[in-house]
């Protein structure tokens, strides 16, 4: 796991105004835990369809790449990153 999960968990707090933060975090965690319930099954389905033990790793790699794309889109929508 390491540092990235903590950084990802901090993103909603950056994007939400203080008065909307409680509801926004509720929505965020709803989607987060739904993904935590569904994505392992997706990795299993990838294993079943591909017939290879490497398929869940490829599924995970694609998921990580999608997260990177989502982060770039988030930062673009938010404006220039703070430095």
C-alpha atoms as a PDB file:
ATOM      1  CA  UNK A   1       0.000   0.000   0.000  1.00  0.00           C
ATOM      2  CA  UNK A   2       2.382   2.717   1.127  1.00  0.00           C
ATOM      3  CA  UNK A   3       1.859   6.450   0.698  1.00  0.00           C
ATOM      4  CA  UNK A   4      -0.538   6.606  -2.322  1.00  0.00           C
ATOM      5  CA  UNK A   5      -3.722   5.545  -0.473  1.00  0.00           C
ATOM      6  CA  UNK A   6      -3.286   8.347   2.033  1.00  0.00           C
ATOM      7  CA  UNK A   7      -2.784  10.863  -0.744  1.00  0.00           C
ATOM      8  CA  UNK A   8      -5.835   9.593  -2.597  1.00  0.00           C
ATOM      9  CA  UNK A   9      -7.933   9.806   0.573  1.00  0.00           C
ATOM     10  CA  UNK A  10      -6.891  13.468   0.939  1.00  0.00           C
ATOM     11  CA  UNK A  11      -8.131  14.490  -2.532  1.00  0.00           C
ATOM     12  CA  UNK A  12     -11.842  14.884  -1.658  1.00  0.00           C
ATOM     13  CA  UNK A  13     -10.957  17.237   1.186  1.00  0.00           C
ATOM     14  CA  UNK A  14      -9.042  19.407  -1.298  1.00  0.00           C
ATOM     15  CA  UNK A  15     -11.895  19.491  -3.789  1.00  0.00           C
ATOM     16  CA  UNK A  16     -14.803  20.089  -1.411  1.00  0.00           C
ATOM     17  CA  UNK A  17     -15.790  23.330   0.283  1.00  0.00           C
ATOM     18  CA  UNK A  18     -15.958  23.021   4.081  1.00  0.00           C
ATOM     19  CA  UNK A  19     -19.759  23.325   4.139  1.00  0.00           C
ATOM     20  CA  UNK A  20     -20.133  20.456   1.617  1.00  0.00           C
ATOM     21  CA  UNK A  21     -17.354  18.272   2.964  1.00  0.00           C
ATOM     22  CA  UNK A  22     -19.486  15.963   5.158  1.00  0.00           C
ATOM     23  CA  UNK A  23     -21.860  14.957   2.369  1.00  0.00           C
ATOM     24  CA  UNK A  24     -19.032  14.813  -0.161  1.00  0.00           C
ATOM     25  CA  UNK A  25     -16.985  12.485   2.029  1.00  0.00           C
ATOM     26  CA  UNK A  26     -20.064  10.300   2.497  1.00  0.00           C
ATOM     27  CA  UNK A  27     -20.485  10.016  -1.264  1.00  0.00           C
ATOM     28  CA  UNK A  28     -16.758   9.414  -1.699  1.00  0.00           C
ATOM     29  CA  UNK A  29     -16.640   6.597   0.867  1.00  0.00           C
ATOM     30  CA  UNK A  30     -19.797   5.025  -0.566  1.00  0.00           C
ATOM     31  CA  UNK A  31     -18.086   4.737  -3.944  1.00  0.00           C
ATOM     32  CA  UNK A  32     -14.795   3.699  -2.340  1.00  0.00           C
ATOM     33  CA  UNK A  33     -16.287   0.786  -0.414  1.00  0.00           C
ATOM     34  CA  UNK A  34     -18.466  -0.238  -3.368  1.00  0.00           C
ATOM     35  CA  UNK A  35     -15.286  -0.454  -5.449  1.00  0.00           C
ATOM     36  CA  UNK A  36     -13.560  -2.434  -2.691  1.00  0.00           C
ATOM     37  CA  UNK A  37     -16.440  -4.924  -2.824  1.00  0.00           C
ATOM     38  CA  UNK A  38     -16.727  -5.165  -6.620  1.00  0.00           C
ATOM     39  CA  UNK A  39     -13.179  -4.900  -8.000  1.00  0.00           C
ATOM     40  CA  UNK A  40     -11.829  -8.127  -6.431  1.00  0.00           C
ATOM     41  CA  UNK A  41     -14.675  -9.963  -8.144  1.00  0.00           C
ATOM     42  CA  UNK A  42     -13.656  -8.256 -11.389  1.00  0.00           C
ATOM     43  CA  UNK A  43     -10.129  -9.581 -10.941  1.00  0.00           C
ATOM     44  CA  UNK A  44     -11.557 -13.052 -10.378  1.00  0.00           C
ATOM     45  CA  UNK A  45     -13.661 -12.785 -13.521  1.00  0.00           C
ATOM     46  CA  UNK A  46     -10.572 -11.725 -15.451  1.00  0.00           C
ATOM     47  CA  UNK A  47      -8.851 -14.873 -14.155  1.00  0.00           C
ATOM     48  CA  UNK A  48     -11.802 -17.045 -15.154  1.00  0.00           C
ATOM     49  CA  UNK A  49     -12.142 -15.597 -18.662  1.00  0.00           C
ATOM     50  CA  UNK A  50      -8.420 -15.475 -19.429  1.00  0.00           C
ATOM     51  CA  UNK A  51      -7.603 -18.808 -17.831  1.00  0.00           C
ATOM     52  CA  UNK A  52      -4.322 -17.364 -16.618  1.00  0.00           C
ATOM     53  CA  UNK A  53      -3.071 -16.651 -13.129  1.00  0.00           C
ATOM     54  CA  UNK A  54      -1.528 -13.436 -14.478  1.00  0.00           C
ATOM     55  CA  UNK A  55      -4.922 -11.973 -15.423  1.00  0.00           C
ATOM     56  CA  UNK A  56      -5.684 -10.509 -11.960  1.00  0.00           C
ATOM     57  CA  UNK A  57      -2.304  -8.753 -12.009  1.00  0.00           C
ATOM     58  CA  UNK A  58      -3.065  -7.304 -15.442  1.00  0.00           C
ATOM     59  CA  UNK A  59      -6.483  -6.236 -14.140  1.00  0.00           C
ATOM     60  CA  UNK A  60      -4.790  -4.518 -11.191  1.00  0.00           C
ATOM     61  CA  UNK A  61      -2.302  -2.785 -13.498  1.00  0.00           C
ATOM     62  CA  UNK A  62      -5.114  -1.455 -15.686  1.00  0.00           C
ATOM     63  CA  UNK A  63      -6.950  -0.273 -12.571  1.00  0.00           C
ATOM     64  CA  UNK A  64      -3.853   1.595 -11.359  1.00  0.00           C
ATOM     65  CA  UNK A  65      -3.409   3.209 -14.782  1.00  0.00           C
ATOM     66  CA  UNK A  66      -7.049   4.312 -14.711  1.00  0.00           C
ATOM     67  CA  UNK A  67      -6.410   5.851 -11.288  1.00  0.00           C
ATOM     68  CA  UNK A  68      -3.462   7.814 -12.684  1.00  0.00           C
ATOM     69  CA  UNK A  69      -5.627   9.086 -15.548  1.00  0.00           C
ATOM     70  CA  UNK A  70      -8.371  10.029 -13.065  1.00  0.00           C
ATOM     71  CA  UNK A  71      -5.836  11.902 -10.915  1.00  0.00           C
ATOM     72  CA  UNK A  72      -4.573  13.857 -13.924  1.00  0.00           C
ATOM     73  CA  UNK A  73      -8.143  14.730 -14.912  1.00  0.00           C
ATOM     74  CA  UNK A  74      -8.890  15.767 -11.320  1.00  0.00           C
ATOM     75  CA  UNK A  75      -5.876  18.068 -11.179  1.00  0.00           C
ATOM     76  CA  UNK A  76      -6.710  19.516 -14.592  1.00  0.00           C
ATOM     77  CA  UNK A  77     -10.297  20.228 -13.541  1.00  0.00           C
ATOM     78  CA  UNK A  78      -9.124  21.708 -10.249  1.00  0.00           C
ATOM     79  CA  UNK A  79      -6.586  24.029 -11.886  1.00  0.00           C
ATOM     80  CA  UNK A  80      -2.835  24.088 -11.663  1.00  0.00           C
ATOM     81  CA  UNK A  81      -1.436  21.983  -8.805  1.00  0.00           C
ATOM     82  CA  UNK A  82      -0.048  23.768  -5.777  1.00  0.00           C
ATOM     83  CA  UNK A  83       3.732  23.817  -5.564  1.00  0.00           C
END
